[in-house]
Amino acid sequence: MQVLKILSDIWKSGANIYLDKDDDRIAIEKQNLIPPEVMEAAEQNFEAINDWFKSWKDASAEKTTILKMVQQICGWQNNKKIDEWFCAEEDDLMLFIDWTVVLAKNGWKDTYEDYRQFENDESNEMARKLYERAVAYMKKGV
């Protein structure tokens, strides 16, 4: 099973799985909400899950913000601020959609596949613009 599918199933269950910043280990909150078959898949794929989280450990604010946008749009993790921003700023939402189109043209066909391997100069420039617009919107205090 794909790592992002497992993670999305965990997040959608109401539980939270993350890399604990204090000890650099995977942590789960509300584990009792995770369906047994999802927990079993997570246990069987623990190393891949751990590697995925650690691959984000030193990511820039820009990169983690883009990840949060993907998680919001895919319905994996709710982010109220990003949701409000996309609802208020249609041009920014369209830029995000255009960013996903560029990734799709580069081969990203499955949301459960890590999109980072499909990035290129064009998508990176769009991501930079998205991040700048997100920061500007959040600074407005809306």
N, C-alpha and C. Protein backbone atom coordinates (compact mmCIF):
# COMPACT_ATOMS: atom_id res chain seq x y z
N MET A 1 0.85 -1.19 0.00
CA MET A 1 0.00 0.00 0.00
C MET A 1 0.89 1.24 0.00
N GLN A 2 0.46 2.26 -0.72
CA GLN A 2 1.23 3.49 -0.82
C GLN A 2 1.24 4.26 0.50
N VAL A 3 2.38 4.84 0.80
CA VAL A 3 2.56 5.58 2.04
C VAL A 3 1.51 6.69 2.19
N LEU A 4 1.32 7.49 1.15
CA LEU A 4 0.37 8.60 1.27
C LEU A 4 -1.06 8.11 1.39
N LYS A 5 -1.39 6.96 0.85
CA LYS A 5 -2.73 6.39 1.03
C LYS A 5 -2.92 6.01 2.49
N ILE A 6 -1.93 5.39 3.07
CA ILE A 6 -2.00 4.99 4.48
C ILE A 6 -2.14 6.24 5.35
N LEU A 7 -1.28 7.23 5.11
CA LEU A 7 -1.32 8.46 5.91
C LEU A 7 -2.66 9.16 5.76
N SER A 8 -3.17 9.23 4.53
CA SER A 8 -4.46 9.90 4.34
C SER A 8 -5.57 9.15 5.07
N ASP A 9 -5.52 7.83 5.05
CA ASP A 9 -6.53 7.05 5.78
C ASP A 9 -6.45 7.29 7.28
N ILE A 10 -5.23 7.43 7.78
CA ILE A 10 -5.06 7.73 9.21
C ILE A 10 -5.62 9.12 9.52
N TRP A 11 -5.23 10.11 8.74
CA TRP A 11 -5.70 11.47 8.97
C TRP A 11 -7.22 11.56 8.83
N LYS A 12 -7.78 10.90 7.83
CA LYS A 12 -9.23 10.93 7.62
C LYS A 12 -9.99 10.25 8.75
N SER A 13 -9.34 9.34 9.46
CA SER A 13 -10.00 8.65 10.57
C SER A 13 -10.20 9.56 11.77
N GLY A 14 -9.50 10.70 11.77
CA GLY A 14 -9.56 11.61 12.92
C GLY A 14 -8.33 11.51 13.81
N ALA A 15 -7.46 10.56 13.48
CA ALA A 15 -6.21 10.43 14.21
C ALA A 15 -5.17 11.33 13.54
N ASN A 16 -4.03 11.48 14.19
CA ASN A 16 -2.95 12.27 13.60
C ASN A 16 -1.66 11.49 13.72
N ILE A 17 -0.95 11.40 12.64
CA ILE A 17 0.38 10.79 12.63
C ILE A 17 1.35 11.85 12.15
N TYR A 18 2.49 11.93 12.82
CA TYR A 18 3.45 12.99 12.52
C TYR A 18 4.82 12.60 13.05
N LEU A 19 5.83 13.35 12.65
CA LEU A 19 7.18 13.16 13.15
C LEU A 19 7.35 14.08 14.36
N ASP A 20 7.54 13.49 15.52
CA ASP A 20 7.69 14.26 16.75
C ASP A 20 9.01 15.02 16.71
N LYS A 21 8.95 16.32 16.86
CA LYS A 21 10.15 17.15 16.78
C LYS A 21 11.08 16.95 17.97
N ASP A 22 10.55 16.49 19.10
CA ASP A 22 11.37 16.32 20.28
C ASP A 22 12.30 15.11 20.19
N ASP A 23 11.79 14.00 19.65
CA ASP A 23 12.62 12.79 19.61
C ASP A 23 12.82 12.22 18.20
N ASP A 24 12.30 12.93 17.18
CA ASP A 24 12.51 12.53 15.79
C ASP A 24 11.93 11.14 15.50
N ARG A 25 10.81 10.83 16.15
CA ARG A 25 10.16 9.54 15.95
C ARG A 25 8.71 9.75 15.53
N ILE A 26 8.16 8.76 14.88
CA ILE A 26 6.75 8.81 14.48
C ILE A 26 5.88 8.77 15.73
N ALA A 27 4.89 9.65 15.76
CA ALA A 27 3.94 9.70 16.87
C ALA A 27 2.52 9.66 16.29
N ILE A 28 1.62 9.11 17.07
CA ILE A 28 0.21 9.03 16.65
C ILE A 28 -0.66 9.51 17.80
N GLU A 29 -1.55 10.42 17.49
CA GLU A 29 -2.56 10.87 18.45
C GLU A 29 -3.90 10.24 18.06
N LYS A 30 -4.66 9.82 19.04
CA LYS A 30 -5.98 9.22 18.84
C LYS A 30 -5.89 7.94 18.00
N GLN A 31 -4.93 7.11 18.33
CA GLN A 31 -4.69 5.87 17.58
C GLN A 31 -5.93 4.98 17.57
N ASN A 32 -6.74 5.07 18.61
CA ASN A 32 -7.94 4.23 18.71
C ASN A 32 -8.95 4.50 17.59
N LEU A 33 -8.83 5.63 16.90
CA LEU A 33 -9.75 5.97 15.81
C LEU A 33 -9.35 5.32 14.48
N ILE A 34 -8.14 4.79 14.42
CA ILE A 34 -7.63 4.22 13.18
C ILE A 34 -8.21 2.82 12.98
N PRO A 35 -8.84 2.56 11.83
CA PRO A 35 -9.35 1.21 11.57
C PRO A 35 -8.22 0.18 11.62
N PRO A 36 -8.51 -1.02 12.14
CA PRO A 36 -7.46 -2.04 12.29
C PRO A 36 -6.69 -2.34 11.00
N GLU A 37 -7.38 -2.39 9.86
CA GLU A 37 -6.69 -2.72 8.61
C GLU A 37 -5.73 -1.61 8.19
N VAL A 38 -6.07 -0.36 8.53
CA VAL A 38 -5.19 0.76 8.23
C VAL A 38 -3.97 0.72 9.16
N MET A 39 -4.22 0.42 10.42
CA MET A 39 -3.11 0.33 11.38
C MET A 39 -2.16 -0.79 10.98
N GLU A 40 -2.72 -1.90 10.54
CA GLU A 40 -1.89 -3.02 10.09
C GLU A 40 -1.04 -2.61 8.89
N ALA A 41 -1.64 -1.91 7.94
CA ALA A 41 -0.90 -1.43 6.77
C ALA A 41 0.21 -0.47 7.19
N ALA A 42 -0.09 0.39 8.17
CA ALA A 42 0.91 1.34 8.67
C ALA A 42 2.07 0.60 9.32
N GLU A 43 1.77 -0.41 10.09
CA GLU A 43 2.83 -1.19 10.74
C GLU A 43 3.70 -1.91 9.70
N GLN A 44 3.05 -2.45 8.68
CA GLN A 44 3.79 -3.18 7.64
C GLN A 44 4.65 -2.25 6.79
N ASN A 45 4.28 -0.99 6.74
CA ASN A 45 4.99 -0.01 5.91
C ASN A 45 5.68 1.06 6.76
N PHE A 46 5.99 0.71 8.00
CA PHE A 46 6.53 1.69 8.94
C PHE A 46 7.79 2.38 8.41
N GLU A 47 8.72 1.63 7.87
CA GLU A 47 9.98 2.23 7.40
C GLU A 47 9.73 3.25 6.29
N ALA A 48 8.85 2.91 5.36
CA ALA A 48 8.54 3.83 4.26
C ALA A 48 7.84 5.08 4.79
N ILE A 49 6.96 4.92 5.77
CA ILE A 49 6.28 6.06 6.38
C ILE A 49 7.30 6.94 7.11
N ASN A 50 8.16 6.31 7.86
CA ASN A 50 9.21 7.03 8.59
C ASN A 50 10.10 7.79 7.62
N ASP A 51 10.50 7.13 6.54
CA ASP A 51 11.34 7.79 5.52
C ASP A 51 10.63 8.99 4.91
N TRP A 52 9.31 8.85 4.64
CA TRP A 52 8.56 9.95 4.05
C TRP A 52 8.54 11.16 4.98
N PHE A 53 8.23 10.92 6.25
CA PHE A 53 8.22 12.03 7.20
C PHE A 53 9.60 12.67 7.32
N LYS A 54 10.62 11.86 7.41
CA LYS A 54 11.98 12.41 7.54
C LYS A 54 12.41 13.16 6.29
N SER A 55 11.86 12.81 5.13
CA SER A 55 12.20 13.53 3.91
C SER A 55 11.67 14.96 3.94
N TRP A 56 10.74 15.24 4.83
CA TRP A 56 10.18 16.58 4.98
C TRP A 56 10.81 17.34 6.13
N LYS A 57 11.65 16.68 6.89
CA LYS A 57 12.19 17.25 8.13
C LYS A 57 12.86 18.62 7.94
N ASP A 58 13.67 18.76 6.92
CA ASP A 58 14.40 20.02 6.71
C ASP A 58 13.82 20.84 5.56
N ALA A 59 12.58 20.56 5.20
CA ALA A 59 11.95 21.29 4.09
C ALA A 59 11.72 22.74 4.47
N SER A 60 11.80 23.60 3.46
CA SER A 60 11.59 25.03 3.67
C SER A 60 10.12 25.31 4.00
N ALA A 61 9.88 26.50 4.49
CA ALA A 61 8.50 26.93 4.77
C ALA A 61 7.68 26.89 3.49
N GLU A 62 8.30 27.27 2.39
CA GLU A 62 7.61 27.23 1.10
C GLU A 62 7.15 25.82 0.77
N LYS A 63 8.04 24.86 0.89
CA LYS A 63 7.72 23.47 0.55
C LYS A 63 6.66 22.89 1.49
N THR A 64 6.75 23.18 2.78
CA THR A 64 5.76 22.63 3.71
C THR A 64 4.40 23.30 3.53
N THR A 65 4.39 24.55 3.12
CA THR A 65 3.12 25.23 2.86
C THR A 65 2.44 24.60 1.64
N ILE A 66 3.21 24.31 0.61
CA ILE A 66 2.64 23.65 -0.57
C ILE A 66 2.09 22.28 -0.18
N LEU A 67 2.82 21.54 0.65
CA LEU A 67 2.33 20.24 1.12
C LEU A 67 0.99 20.41 1.84
N LYS A 68 0.87 21.42 2.68
CA LYS A 68 -0.39 21.67 3.40
C LYS A 68 -1.52 21.98 2.43
N MET A 69 -1.20 22.67 1.34
CA MET A 69 -2.21 22.95 0.32
C MET A 69 -2.69 21.64 -0.31
N VAL A 70 -1.76 20.77 -0.65
CA VAL A 70 -2.11 19.48 -1.24
C VAL A 70 -2.97 18.68 -0.26
N GLN A 71 -2.56 18.64 0.99
CA GLN A 71 -3.31 17.89 2.00
C GLN A 71 -4.72 18.45 2.18
N GLN A 72 -4.87 19.77 2.10
CA GLN A 72 -6.19 20.39 2.22
C GLN A 72 -7.07 20.03 1.02
N ILE A 73 -6.53 20.21 -0.18
CA ILE A 73 -7.31 19.95 -1.39
C ILE A 73 -7.69 18.48 -1.50
N CYS A 74 -6.78 17.60 -1.10
CA CYS A 74 -7.07 16.15 -1.17
C CYS A 74 -8.00 15.68 -0.05
N GLY A 75 -8.22 16.54 0.94
CA GLY A 75 -9.09 16.17 2.05
C GLY A 75 -8.42 15.29 3.09
N TRP A 76 -7.09 15.29 3.11
CA TRP A 76 -6.37 14.45 4.06
C TRP A 76 -6.28 15.10 5.42
N GLN A 77 -5.96 16.37 5.45
CA GLN A 77 -5.86 17.11 6.69
C GLN A 77 -6.49 18.48 6.47
N ASN A 78 -7.43 18.82 7.33
CA ASN A 78 -8.09 20.10 7.20
C ASN A 78 -7.17 21.22 7.67
N ASN A 79 -7.12 22.26 6.88
CA ASN A 79 -6.36 23.44 7.25
C ASN A 79 -7.28 24.64 7.00
N LYS A 80 -7.86 25.12 8.07
CA LYS A 80 -8.88 26.17 7.97
C LYS A 80 -8.35 27.42 7.28
N LYS A 81 -7.12 27.81 7.59
CA LYS A 81 -6.56 29.02 6.99
C LYS A 81 -6.39 28.88 5.47
N ILE A 82 -5.90 27.73 5.04
CA ILE A 82 -5.74 27.51 3.60
C ILE A 82 -7.11 27.43 2.93
N ASP A 83 -8.04 26.76 3.57
CA ASP A 83 -9.40 26.68 3.02
C ASP A 83 -10.00 28.07 2.86
N GLU A 84 -9.90 28.91 3.88
CA GLU A 84 -10.43 30.27 3.81
C GLU A 84 -9.73 31.08 2.72
N TRP A 85 -8.43 30.93 2.64
CA TRP A 85 -7.65 31.64 1.62
C TRP A 85 -8.10 31.26 0.22
N PHE A 86 -8.18 29.95 -0.06
CA PHE A 86 -8.59 29.51 -1.38
C PHE A 86 -10.02 29.95 -1.71
N CYS A 87 -10.89 29.98 -0.71
CA CYS A 87 -12.27 30.43 -0.94
C CYS A 87 -12.32 31.94 -1.20
N ALA A 88 -11.45 32.68 -0.56
CA ALA A 88 -11.47 34.15 -0.69
C ALA A 88 -10.71 34.63 -1.92
N GLU A 89 -9.70 33.90 -2.34
CA GLU A 89 -8.83 34.35 -3.42
C GLU A 89 -8.86 33.34 -4.57
N GLU A 90 -9.83 33.49 -5.43
CA GLU A 90 -10.03 32.54 -6.53
C GLU A 90 -8.81 32.45 -7.45
N ASP A 91 -8.14 33.57 -7.68
CA ASP A 91 -6.95 33.54 -8.55
C ASP A 91 -5.85 32.66 -7.95
N ASP A 92 -5.74 32.68 -6.63
CA ASP A 92 -4.72 31.85 -5.98
C ASP A 92 -5.09 30.38 -6.06
N LEU A 93 -6.37 30.08 -5.90
CA LEU A 93 -6.82 28.70 -6.07
C LEU A 93 -6.55 28.23 -7.49
N MET A 94 -6.80 29.09 -8.47
CA MET A 94 -6.55 28.73 -9.86
C MET A 94 -5.05 28.52 -10.12
N LEU A 95 -4.21 29.31 -9.47
CA LEU A 95 -2.77 29.11 -9.59
C LEU A 95 -2.38 27.75 -9.02
N PHE A 96 -2.98 27.38 -7.90
CA PHE A 96 -2.72 26.06 -7.33
C PHE A 96 -3.14 24.96 -8.32
N ILE A 97 -4.30 25.11 -8.90
CA ILE A 97 -4.77 24.12 -9.87
C ILE A 97 -3.82 24.07 -11.07
N ASP A 98 -3.38 25.23 -11.53
CA ASP A 98 -2.41 25.26 -12.63
C ASP A 98 -1.11 24.55 -12.24
N TRP A 99 -0.69 24.73 -10.99
CA TRP A 99 0.51 24.04 -10.48
C TRP A 99 0.33 22.53 -10.58
N THR A 100 -0.86 22.04 -10.21
CA THR A 100 -1.09 20.59 -10.29
C THR A 100 -1.11 20.11 -11.74
N VAL A 101 -1.58 20.97 -12.65
CA VAL A 101 -1.58 20.61 -14.07
C VAL A 101 -0.15 20.46 -14.58
N VAL A 102 0.73 21.36 -14.17
CA VAL A 102 2.13 21.25 -14.56
C VAL A 102 2.72 19.94 -14.05
N LEU A 103 2.42 19.60 -12.80
CA LEU A 103 2.91 18.33 -12.26
C LEU A 103 2.34 17.14 -13.04
N ALA A 104 1.06 17.24 -13.40
CA ALA A 104 0.44 16.16 -14.17
C ALA A 104 1.12 16.00 -15.53
N LYS A 105 1.46 17.11 -16.15
CA LYS A 105 2.17 17.04 -17.43
C LYS A 105 3.54 16.40 -17.26
N ASN A 106 4.08 16.51 -16.05
CA ASN A 106 5.38 15.90 -15.75
C ASN A 106 5.25 14.44 -15.30
N GLY A 107 4.01 13.92 -15.25
CA GLY A 107 3.82 12.52 -14.91
C GLY A 107 3.08 12.23 -13.63
N TRP A 108 2.72 13.25 -12.86
CA TRP A 108 2.02 13.02 -11.58
C TRP A 108 0.56 12.71 -11.88
N LYS A 109 0.18 11.46 -11.77
CA LYS A 109 -1.17 11.02 -12.12
C LYS A 109 -1.95 10.51 -10.91
N ASP A 110 -1.28 10.34 -9.78
CA ASP A 110 -1.89 9.71 -8.61
C ASP A 110 -1.59 10.57 -7.39
N THR A 111 -2.63 11.10 -6.75
CA THR A 111 -2.41 11.97 -5.59
C THR A 111 -1.73 11.24 -4.45
N TYR A 112 -1.77 9.92 -4.45
CA TYR A 112 -1.10 9.15 -3.41
C TYR A 112 0.37 8.87 -3.72
N GLU A 113 0.84 9.46 -4.79
CA GLU A 113 2.26 9.37 -5.14
C GLU A 113 2.89 10.72 -4.79
N ASP A 114 4.05 10.70 -4.20
CA ASP A 114 4.73 11.93 -3.78
C ASP A 114 4.98 12.81 -5.00
N TYR A 115 4.39 13.99 -4.98
CA TYR A 115 4.47 14.88 -6.14
C TYR A 115 5.86 15.48 -6.34
N ARG A 116 6.71 15.45 -5.33
CA ARG A 116 8.00 16.14 -5.42
C ARG A 116 8.87 15.65 -6.57
N GLN A 117 8.75 14.38 -6.91
CA GLN A 117 9.57 13.85 -8.01
C GLN A 117 9.14 14.37 -9.38
N PHE A 118 8.00 15.06 -9.43
CA PHE A 118 7.49 15.59 -10.69
C PHE A 118 7.66 17.11 -10.81
N GLU A 119 8.33 17.70 -9.85
CA GLU A 119 8.56 19.14 -9.89
C GLU A 119 9.62 19.48 -10.93
N ASN A 120 9.50 20.69 -11.47
CA ASN A 120 10.52 21.20 -12.38
C ASN A 120 10.61 22.71 -12.15
N ASP A 121 11.39 23.39 -12.97
CA ASP A 121 11.56 24.84 -12.79
C ASP A 121 10.23 25.58 -12.85
N GLU A 122 9.38 25.20 -13.79
CA GLU A 122 8.08 25.88 -13.92
C GLU A 122 7.21 25.67 -12.68
N SER A 123 7.10 24.44 -12.20
CA SER A 123 6.27 24.18 -11.02
C SER A 123 6.88 24.84 -9.78
N ASN A 124 8.20 24.86 -9.70
CA ASN A 124 8.86 25.50 -8.56
C ASN A 124 8.60 27.01 -8.53
N GLU A 125 8.58 27.63 -9.69
CA GLU A 125 8.27 29.07 -9.77
C GLU A 125 6.82 29.32 -9.35
N MET A 126 5.94 28.46 -9.78
CA MET A 126 4.53 28.59 -9.40
C MET A 126 4.37 28.38 -7.90
N ALA A 127 5.08 27.40 -7.35
CA ALA A 127 5.02 27.13 -5.92
C ALA A 127 5.52 28.33 -5.13
N ARG A 128 6.57 28.96 -5.62
CA ARG A 128 7.11 30.16 -4.96
C ARG A 128 6.05 31.27 -4.92
N LYS A 129 5.36 31.46 -6.05
CA LYS A 129 4.30 32.47 -6.11
C LYS A 129 3.15 32.12 -5.17
N LEU A 130 2.79 30.85 -5.14
CA LEU A 130 1.73 30.41 -4.22
C LEU A 130 2.10 30.70 -2.77
N TYR A 131 3.33 30.37 -2.43
CA TYR A 131 3.79 30.61 -1.06
C TYR A 131 3.75 32.10 -0.74
N GLU A 132 4.24 32.93 -1.64
CA GLU A 132 4.24 34.38 -1.41
C GLU A 132 2.81 34.90 -1.24
N ARG A 133 1.90 34.41 -2.05
CA ARG A 133 0.50 34.83 -1.95
C ARG A 133 -0.13 34.34 -0.65
N ALA A 134 0.22 33.13 -0.25
CA ALA A 134 -0.31 32.60 1.02
C ALA A 134 0.17 33.45 2.19
N VAL A 135 1.43 33.77 2.20
CA VAL A 135 1.99 34.60 3.28
C VAL A 135 1.33 35.97 3.29
N ALA A 136 1.18 36.57 2.11
CA ALA A 136 0.54 37.88 2.03
C ALA A 136 -0.90 37.84 2.54
N TYR A 137 -1.62 36.80 2.19
CA TYR A 137 -3.00 36.66 2.65
C TYR A 137 -3.05 36.49 4.17
N MET A 138 -2.18 35.65 4.70
CA MET A 138 -2.20 35.40 6.15
C MET A 138 -1.80 36.67 6.92
N LYS A 139 -0.92 37.47 6.35
CA LYS A 139 -0.50 38.70 7.01
C LYS A 139 -1.62 39.74 7.06
N LYS A 140 -2.58 39.63 6.13
CA LYS A 140 -3.71 40.56 6.15
C LYS A 140 -4.55 40.39 7.41
N GLY A 141 -4.40 39.23 8.04
CA GLY A 141 -5.16 38.97 9.27
C GLY A 141 -6.61 38.64 9.01
N VAL A 142 -6.87 38.15 7.84
CA VAL A 142 -8.25 37.81 7.49
C VAL A 142 -8.65 36.54 8.19
